[in-house]
N, C-alpha and C. Protein backbone atom coordinates (compact mmCIF):
# COMPACT_ATOMS: atom_id res chain seq x y z
N MET A 1 -77.99 10.94 103.68
CA MET A 1 -78.96 12.11 104.22
C MET A 1 -80.90 11.99 103.33
N ALA A 2 -81.41 11.60 104.33
CA ALA A 2 -83.09 11.51 103.95
C ALA A 2 -83.73 12.50 103.44
N ASP A 3 -84.24 12.38 102.07
CA ASP A 3 -86.06 13.11 101.99
C ASP A 3 -86.57 13.53 103.03
N PHE A 4 -86.69 14.71 102.49
CA PHE A 4 -88.50 14.30 103.24
C PHE A 4 -88.95 15.52 102.79
N ASP A 5 -90.84 15.13 102.52
CA ASP A 5 -91.69 16.06 101.95
C ASP A 5 -91.73 16.98 102.95
N GLY A 6 -92.18 18.01 101.82
CA GLY A 6 -92.38 18.80 101.93
C GLY A 6 -93.42 19.63 103.07
N GLN A 7 -95.06 19.37 102.37
CA GLN A 7 -96.15 19.28 102.66
C GLN A 7 -96.48 18.84 104.61
N SER A 8 -96.33 17.32 104.60
CA SER A 8 -96.39 16.53 105.53
C SER A 8 -94.99 16.62 106.24
N GLY A 9 -93.78 17.09 105.86
CA GLY A 9 -93.23 16.91 106.70
C GLY A 9 -92.10 15.17 106.86
N SER A 10 -92.73 14.40 106.53
CA SER A 10 -92.35 13.21 106.88
C SER A 10 -91.17 12.18 105.67
N GLN A 11 -90.33 11.64 106.35
CA GLN A 11 -89.35 10.91 105.12
C GLN A 11 -89.94 10.20 103.91
N LEU A 12 -89.33 10.43 103.48
CA LEU A 12 -89.70 10.10 101.70
C LEU A 12 -89.21 8.51 102.00
N PRO A 13 -89.69 7.59 101.13
CA PRO A 13 -89.17 6.36 100.87
C PRO A 13 -88.15 6.04 100.31
N GLU A 14 -87.07 5.32 100.29
CA GLU A 14 -87.10 4.75 99.19
C GLU A 14 -88.07 4.06 97.73
N GLN A 15 -87.50 3.76 96.70
CA GLN A 15 -88.23 3.81 95.09
C GLN A 15 -88.12 1.96 95.52
N GLY A 16 -87.73 1.45 96.04
CA GLY A 16 -87.38 0.32 95.88
C GLY A 16 -88.37 -0.49 97.05
N LEU A 17 -88.88 0.74 97.71
CA LEU A 17 -89.88 -0.47 99.18
C LEU A 17 -90.92 0.33 98.70
N VAL A 18 -91.14 1.36 98.20
CA VAL A 18 -92.17 1.76 97.08
C VAL A 18 -92.82 0.71 96.50
N ALA A 19 -91.86 0.46 95.48
CA ALA A 19 -92.69 -0.63 94.65
C ALA A 19 -92.77 -2.18 95.65
N LEU A 20 -91.82 -2.38 96.38
CA LEU A 20 -92.49 -3.76 97.21
C LEU A 20 -93.84 -3.33 97.95
N THR A 21 -94.36 -2.25 98.43
CA THR A 21 -95.35 -2.39 98.74
C THR A 21 -96.69 -2.18 97.43
N HIS A 22 -96.30 -1.69 96.47
CA HIS A 22 -97.17 -1.80 95.68
C HIS A 22 -96.99 -3.27 95.08
N ALA A 23 -96.27 -4.60 95.42
CA ALA A 23 -96.27 -5.36 94.85
C ALA A 23 -96.83 -6.38 95.80
N ILE A 24 -97.09 -6.07 97.15
CA ILE A 24 -97.80 -6.36 98.03
C ILE A 24 -99.21 -6.80 98.37
N TYR A 25 -99.31 -4.89 97.46
CA TYR A 25 -100.86 -4.78 97.22
C TYR A 25 -100.96 -6.20 95.59
N ALA A 26 -100.72 -6.23 94.87
CA ALA A 26 -100.55 -7.40 94.06
C ALA A 26 -101.01 -8.54 94.67
N LEU A 27 -100.13 -8.83 95.38
CA LEU A 27 -99.91 -9.93 96.16
C LEU A 27 -101.66 -10.69 96.92
N HIS A 28 -101.99 -9.49 97.26
CA HIS A 28 -103.27 -9.85 98.17
C HIS A 28 -104.45 -9.50 97.25
N ALA A 29 -104.17 -9.08 95.87
CA ALA A 29 -105.22 -8.51 94.94
C ALA A 29 -105.60 -9.95 94.29
N LEU A 30 -104.21 -10.15 93.97
CA LEU A 30 -104.33 -12.05 93.04
C LEU A 30 -105.14 -12.77 93.81
N THR A 31 -104.90 -12.59 95.26
CA THR A 31 -105.85 -13.62 95.93
C THR A 31 -107.24 -13.28 95.94
N VAL A 32 -107.60 -11.64 96.11
CA VAL A 32 -108.72 -11.84 95.62
C VAL A 32 -109.64 -11.56 94.37
N ILE A 33 -108.49 -12.01 93.52
CA ILE A 33 -109.33 -12.33 92.15
C ILE A 33 -109.42 -13.70 91.88
N ALA A 34 -108.71 -14.36 92.47
CA ALA A 34 -109.05 -15.85 92.99
C ALA A 34 -109.98 -16.17 93.17
N GLY A 35 -110.67 -15.36 94.66
CA GLY A 35 -111.67 -15.75 95.45
C GLY A 35 -112.86 -15.37 93.86
N LEU A 36 -112.87 -14.02 93.67
CA LEU A 36 -113.73 -14.18 93.06
C LEU A 36 -114.01 -15.11 92.02
N MET A 37 -113.34 -15.47 91.17
CA MET A 37 -113.06 -16.58 89.78
C MET A 37 -113.61 -17.98 90.49
N THR A 38 -113.43 -18.34 91.93
CA THR A 38 -113.88 -19.90 92.17
C THR A 38 -114.85 -19.62 93.26
N SER A 39 -115.20 -20.62 93.17
CA SER A 39 -116.66 -20.63 94.41
C SER A 39 -116.29 -20.68 95.88
N ALA A 40 -115.04 -20.32 95.82
CA ALA A 40 -114.68 -19.85 96.95
C ALA A 40 -115.00 -18.90 97.44
N LEU A 41 -115.15 -18.13 98.81
CA LEU A 41 -115.49 -16.60 99.16
C LEU A 41 -114.07 -16.14 99.00
N ILE A 42 -113.99 -14.84 98.68
CA ILE A 42 -112.87 -13.74 98.72
C ILE A 42 -112.15 -13.18 99.67
N VAL A 43 -112.80 -13.83 100.88
CA VAL A 43 -112.47 -14.00 102.77
C VAL A 43 -111.68 -15.37 102.93
N THR A 44 -112.05 -16.20 102.55
CA THR A 44 -111.20 -17.67 102.85
C THR A 44 -110.11 -17.16 101.92
N ALA A 45 -109.83 -17.45 100.48
CA ALA A 45 -109.07 -17.12 99.40
C ALA A 45 -107.98 -16.10 100.07
N PHE A 46 -108.56 -14.95 100.79
CA PHE A 46 -107.66 -14.11 100.98
C PHE A 46 -106.88 -14.45 102.24
N LEU A 47 -107.13 -15.21 102.82
CA LEU A 47 -106.29 -15.71 104.27
C LEU A 47 -105.58 -17.52 103.83
N THR A 48 -106.16 -18.23 103.33
CA THR A 48 -105.53 -19.16 102.88
C THR A 48 -104.63 -19.13 101.20
N GLY A 49 -104.56 -18.57 100.86
CA GLY A 49 -104.24 -18.37 99.26
C GLY A 49 -102.57 -17.85 99.67
N TRP A 50 -101.91 -18.36 98.67
CA TRP A 50 -99.73 -18.24 99.30
C TRP A 50 -99.80 -17.42 99.21
N PRO A 51 -99.95 -15.78 97.89
CA PRO A 51 -100.09 -14.84 97.89
C PRO A 51 -100.19 -13.97 99.16
N SER A 52 -101.31 -13.94 99.83
CA SER A 52 -101.34 -13.27 100.96
C SER A 52 -100.48 -13.40 101.94
N ILE A 53 -100.47 -14.66 102.26
CA ILE A 53 -99.21 -15.01 103.27
C ILE A 53 -98.00 -14.46 103.06
N LEU A 54 -97.69 -14.34 101.90
CA LEU A 54 -95.83 -14.13 101.66
C LEU A 54 -96.86 -12.59 101.84
N ALA A 55 -96.95 -11.86 101.08
CA ALA A 55 -97.49 -10.68 101.80
C ALA A 55 -97.30 -9.91 102.86
N VAL A 56 -97.96 -11.02 103.77
CA VAL A 56 -97.98 -10.74 105.10
C VAL A 56 -97.27 -10.63 106.04
N ILE A 57 -96.28 -11.86 104.85
CA ILE A 57 -94.78 -11.74 106.05
C ILE A 57 -93.98 -10.73 105.49
N LEU A 58 -93.82 -10.68 104.30
CA LEU A 58 -92.96 -9.34 103.82
C LEU A 58 -93.60 -8.13 104.45
N ASN A 59 -94.43 -7.79 104.67
CA ASN A 59 -95.21 -6.32 105.43
C ASN A 59 -94.17 -6.32 106.61
N TYR A 60 -94.19 -7.76 107.32
CA TYR A 60 -93.61 -8.19 108.85
C TYR A 60 -92.22 -7.57 108.39
N LEU A 61 -91.22 -8.70 107.96
CA LEU A 61 -90.13 -8.51 107.47
C LEU A 61 -89.56 -7.07 106.79
N LYS A 62 -90.18 -5.94 106.58
CA LYS A 62 -89.55 -4.93 105.78
C LYS A 62 -90.35 -3.41 106.80
N ALA A 63 -90.79 -4.08 107.67
CA ALA A 63 -91.82 -2.85 108.37
C ALA A 63 -91.09 -1.80 109.10
N SER A 64 -89.48 -2.40 109.63
CA SER A 64 -89.24 -1.39 110.50
C SER A 64 -88.35 -0.56 109.31
N GLU A 65 -88.10 -0.58 107.88
CA GLU A 65 -87.69 0.12 106.62
C GLU A 65 -88.67 1.41 106.28
N ALA A 66 -89.70 0.68 106.46
CA ALA A 66 -91.47 2.00 106.38
C ALA A 66 -91.06 2.59 107.38
N ARG A 67 -90.85 2.67 108.76
CA ARG A 67 -90.98 3.29 109.65
C ARG A 67 -90.55 4.67 109.73
N GLY A 68 -91.39 5.53 109.65
CA GLY A 68 -90.78 6.52 109.68
C GLY A 68 -91.92 7.71 107.95
N THR A 69 -91.98 6.76 107.20
CA THR A 69 -92.36 7.24 105.86
C THR A 69 -93.90 6.93 105.74
N TYR A 70 -94.76 7.42 104.53
CA TYR A 70 -95.80 7.41 104.37
C TYR A 70 -96.37 5.82 104.47
N LEU A 71 -95.42 4.76 103.62
CA LEU A 71 -95.16 3.76 103.81
C LEU A 71 -95.86 2.79 105.24
N GLU A 72 -95.32 3.54 106.15
CA GLU A 72 -95.64 2.86 107.84
C GLU A 72 -97.26 2.41 107.60
N SER A 73 -98.00 3.50 107.39
CA SER A 73 -99.75 3.35 107.72
C SER A 73 -100.13 2.46 106.23
N HIS A 74 -98.99 2.24 105.14
CA HIS A 74 -99.66 0.75 104.42
C HIS A 74 -99.41 -0.16 104.79
N PHE A 75 -98.22 -0.33 105.25
CA PHE A 75 -97.99 -2.00 106.07
C PHE A 75 -99.12 -2.14 107.51
N ARG A 76 -99.25 -0.69 108.31
CA ARG A 76 -100.33 -1.52 109.42
C ARG A 76 -101.08 -1.62 108.75
N TRP A 77 -101.91 -0.99 107.83
CA TRP A 77 -102.92 -1.18 107.11
C TRP A 77 -102.99 -2.91 106.36
N GLN A 78 -102.26 -3.23 105.85
CA GLN A 78 -102.23 -4.37 104.70
C GLN A 78 -102.26 -5.65 106.32
N ILE A 79 -100.91 -5.16 107.07
CA ILE A 79 -101.34 -6.75 108.32
C ILE A 79 -102.69 -6.06 109.05
N ARG A 80 -102.85 -5.48 109.67
CA ARG A 80 -104.23 -5.56 110.57
C ARG A 80 -105.81 -6.10 109.35
N THR A 81 -105.62 -5.28 108.26
CA THR A 81 -106.64 -6.33 106.90
C THR A 81 -106.42 -8.03 107.23
N PHE A 82 -105.36 -8.22 106.89
CA PHE A 82 -105.68 -9.81 107.03
C PHE A 82 -105.46 -10.41 108.35
N TRP A 83 -104.68 -9.64 109.90
CA TRP A 83 -105.39 -10.47 110.92
C TRP A 83 -107.00 -10.11 111.37
N PHE A 84 -107.79 -9.31 110.95
CA PHE A 84 -109.13 -8.39 111.07
C PHE A 84 -109.59 -9.66 110.06
N ALA A 85 -109.22 -10.13 108.99
CA ALA A 85 -109.98 -10.71 108.02
C ALA A 85 -110.58 -12.21 108.58
N LEU A 86 -108.76 -12.68 109.42
CA LEU A 86 -108.71 -14.10 110.12
C LEU A 86 -109.74 -14.13 111.05
N LEU A 87 -110.15 -12.88 112.07
CA LEU A 87 -110.64 -12.86 112.91
C LEU A 87 -112.33 -13.08 112.27
N TRP A 88 -112.70 -12.57 111.32
CA TRP A 88 -114.20 -12.58 110.97
C TRP A 88 -114.04 -14.10 110.35
N VAL A 89 -112.77 -14.94 109.75
CA VAL A 89 -113.18 -16.02 109.05
C VAL A 89 -113.50 -17.04 110.19
N ALA A 90 -112.84 -17.17 111.61
CA ALA A 90 -112.76 -17.67 113.00
C ALA A 90 -114.10 -17.15 112.87
N VAL A 91 -114.98 -16.28 112.80
CA VAL A 91 -116.35 -16.37 113.58
C VAL A 91 -117.17 -16.72 112.90
N ALA A 92 -117.09 -16.88 111.42
CA ALA A 92 -117.83 -17.50 110.52
C ALA A 92 -117.65 -18.64 110.64
N GLY A 93 -116.51 -19.31 110.91
CA GLY A 93 -116.31 -21.17 110.81
C GLY A 93 -117.30 -21.25 112.38
N LEU A 94 -117.29 -20.36 113.26
CA LEU A 94 -117.71 -20.83 114.87
C LEU A 94 -119.30 -21.12 114.70
N LEU A 95 -119.56 -20.04 113.52
CA LEU A 95 -120.88 -20.06 113.38
C LEU A 95 -121.89 -20.90 112.84
N ALA A 96 -120.72 -21.69 111.50
CA ALA A 96 -121.09 -22.87 110.51
C ALA A 96 -121.46 -23.54 111.35
N VAL A 97 -120.89 -23.88 112.72
CA VAL A 97 -120.80 -25.32 113.23
C VAL A 97 -122.30 -25.83 113.66
N THR A 98 -122.93 -24.24 113.82
CA THR A 98 -124.15 -24.53 114.32
C THR A 98 -125.39 -24.76 112.85
N ILE A 99 -126.02 -25.65 112.86
CA ILE A 99 -127.08 -25.34 111.55
C ILE A 99 -127.45 -23.92 111.70
N VAL A 100 -128.33 -23.68 112.61
CA VAL A 100 -128.60 -21.97 112.49
C VAL A 100 -128.00 -21.00 112.47
N GLY A 101 -126.77 -21.50 112.79
CA GLY A 101 -125.60 -20.02 112.85
C GLY A 101 -125.40 -20.19 110.67
N LEU A 102 -125.54 -20.93 110.27
CA LEU A 102 -124.90 -21.60 108.78
C LEU A 102 -125.24 -20.12 107.95
N PRO A 103 -126.49 -19.87 107.99
CA PRO A 103 -126.71 -18.93 107.35
C PRO A 103 -126.35 -17.40 107.51
N LEU A 104 -125.88 -17.02 108.48
CA LEU A 104 -125.28 -16.39 109.14
C LEU A 104 -123.55 -16.10 108.97
N ALA A 105 -123.17 -17.38 108.86
CA ALA A 105 -122.09 -17.90 108.74
C ALA A 105 -121.60 -17.32 106.89
N TRP A 106 -122.33 -17.40 106.22
CA TRP A 106 -122.02 -17.20 104.91
C TRP A 106 -122.44 -15.74 105.17
N ALA A 107 -123.24 -15.02 105.46
CA ALA A 107 -123.21 -13.68 105.26
C ALA A 107 -122.26 -12.87 106.16
N VAL A 108 -121.48 -13.54 107.02
CA VAL A 108 -119.92 -12.44 107.83
C VAL A 108 -119.05 -12.97 106.68
N ALA A 109 -119.17 -14.03 106.40
CA ALA A 109 -117.90 -14.38 105.74
C ALA A 109 -117.84 -13.37 103.73
N ALA A 110 -119.50 -13.46 103.24
CA ALA A 110 -119.22 -12.72 102.16
C ALA A 110 -118.86 -11.45 102.88
N ILE A 111 -119.57 -10.78 103.42
CA ILE A 111 -119.44 -9.40 103.82
C ILE A 111 -118.20 -8.82 103.84
N ALA A 112 -117.20 -9.85 105.27
CA ALA A 112 -115.73 -9.93 104.99
C ALA A 112 -114.89 -9.72 103.90
N GLY A 113 -115.29 -10.84 103.58
CA GLY A 113 -114.73 -10.42 101.89
C GLY A 113 -115.01 -9.15 100.76
N LEU A 114 -115.69 -8.71 100.88
CA LEU A 114 -116.38 -7.10 100.25
C LEU A 114 -115.46 -6.43 100.76
N TRP A 115 -115.62 -6.56 102.60
CA TRP A 115 -114.50 -5.41 103.10
C TRP A 115 -113.25 -5.91 102.83
N VAL A 116 -112.81 -7.18 102.69
CA VAL A 116 -111.11 -7.37 102.33
C VAL A 116 -111.15 -6.64 100.30
N LEU A 117 -111.76 -7.24 100.25
CA LEU A 117 -111.62 -6.10 98.31
C LEU A 117 -111.76 -4.30 98.61
N TYR A 118 -112.49 -3.85 99.84
CA TYR A 118 -112.46 -2.70 99.50
C TYR A 118 -111.47 -2.17 100.58
N ARG A 119 -110.88 -2.32 100.90
CA ARG A 119 -109.29 -2.12 102.02
C ARG A 119 -107.92 -2.60 101.19
N VAL A 120 -107.85 -3.82 99.92
CA VAL A 120 -106.89 -3.81 99.22
C VAL A 120 -107.14 -2.58 98.02
N THR A 121 -108.66 -2.13 97.38
CA THR A 121 -108.36 -1.39 96.21
C THR A 121 -107.99 -0.16 96.76
N ARG A 122 -108.98 0.65 98.34
CA ARG A 122 -108.25 1.53 98.77
C ARG A 122 -107.02 2.28 99.11
N GLY A 123 -106.56 1.56 99.82
CA GLY A 123 -105.35 0.94 100.26
C GLY A 123 -104.42 1.50 98.70
N TRP A 124 -104.42 0.19 97.81
CA TRP A 124 -103.51 0.97 96.84
C TRP A 124 -103.82 1.83 95.89
N LEU A 125 -105.62 2.42 95.79
CA LEU A 125 -105.35 3.87 95.21
C LEU A 125 -104.87 4.96 95.98
N ARG A 126 -104.50 4.69 96.85
CA ARG A 126 -103.86 5.89 97.95
C ARG A 126 -102.18 6.04 98.18
N LEU A 127 -101.57 3.85 98.03
CA LEU A 127 -100.71 4.07 97.35
C LEU A 127 -100.16 4.83 96.13
N SER A 128 -100.67 4.77 94.88
CA SER A 128 -101.12 5.30 93.71
C SER A 128 -100.61 6.93 93.99
N GLY A 129 -101.30 7.03 94.90
CA GLY A 129 -101.32 8.92 94.84
C GLY A 129 -100.21 8.93 95.70
N ALA A 130 -99.18 8.25 96.29
CA ALA A 130 -98.37 8.63 96.93
C ALA A 130 -98.41 8.92 98.81
N ARG A 131 -99.78 8.81 98.74
CA ARG A 131 -100.55 9.49 100.37
C ARG A 131 -100.84 8.18 101.00
N GLN A 132 -100.66 8.58 102.48
CA GLN A 132 -100.86 7.67 103.45
C GLN A 132 -101.92 6.55 103.33
N ALA A 133 -101.67 5.85 103.67
CA ALA A 133 -103.29 4.81 104.13
C ALA A 133 -104.46 4.98 104.76
N PRO A 134 -105.32 5.15 104.48
CA PRO A 134 -106.37 5.56 105.65
C PRO A 134 -106.40 4.81 107.05
N ILE A 135 -105.53 5.39 107.95
CA ILE A 135 -105.71 4.71 109.16
C ILE A 135 -105.44 5.90 110.07
N ALA A 136 -105.84 5.26 111.43
CA ALA A 136 -105.36 6.85 112.12
C ALA A 136 -104.12 6.63 112.82
N ALA A 137 -104.23 7.77 113.41
CA ALA A 137 -102.67 7.91 113.66
C ALA A 137 -102.49 7.00 115.40
N GLN A 138 -101.32 6.58 115.35
CA GLN A 138 -101.35 6.03 116.58
C GLN A 138 -100.26 6.65 117.64
């Protein structure tokens, strides 16, 4: 029989799944740190780094197990962070093709990198407090 949270009424996740969600945030954070420590931008390291690619694969593989728990919001948060970051890298890449757009491409990539850093940090902090990720209900 599943345990339920008395305040929210949602099903409590298994501890192994909570640990996996922490590990997924750690994989994303590892890529962000790699982006900060190298000349590459955070957002490009986030998308091309194997830890984030592995993390998003794990998100998709384990999403059904998180359904109905507060972890479901974290899985959506992590997946959306990855795909929106990819979108902004594509926009920056298209802008970089032109000489005029090059400075704007750098700005878009830098802002997207800060956004990724914010999303990983905020989501992981909320997970540490056993709270839902700050995402709109569907």
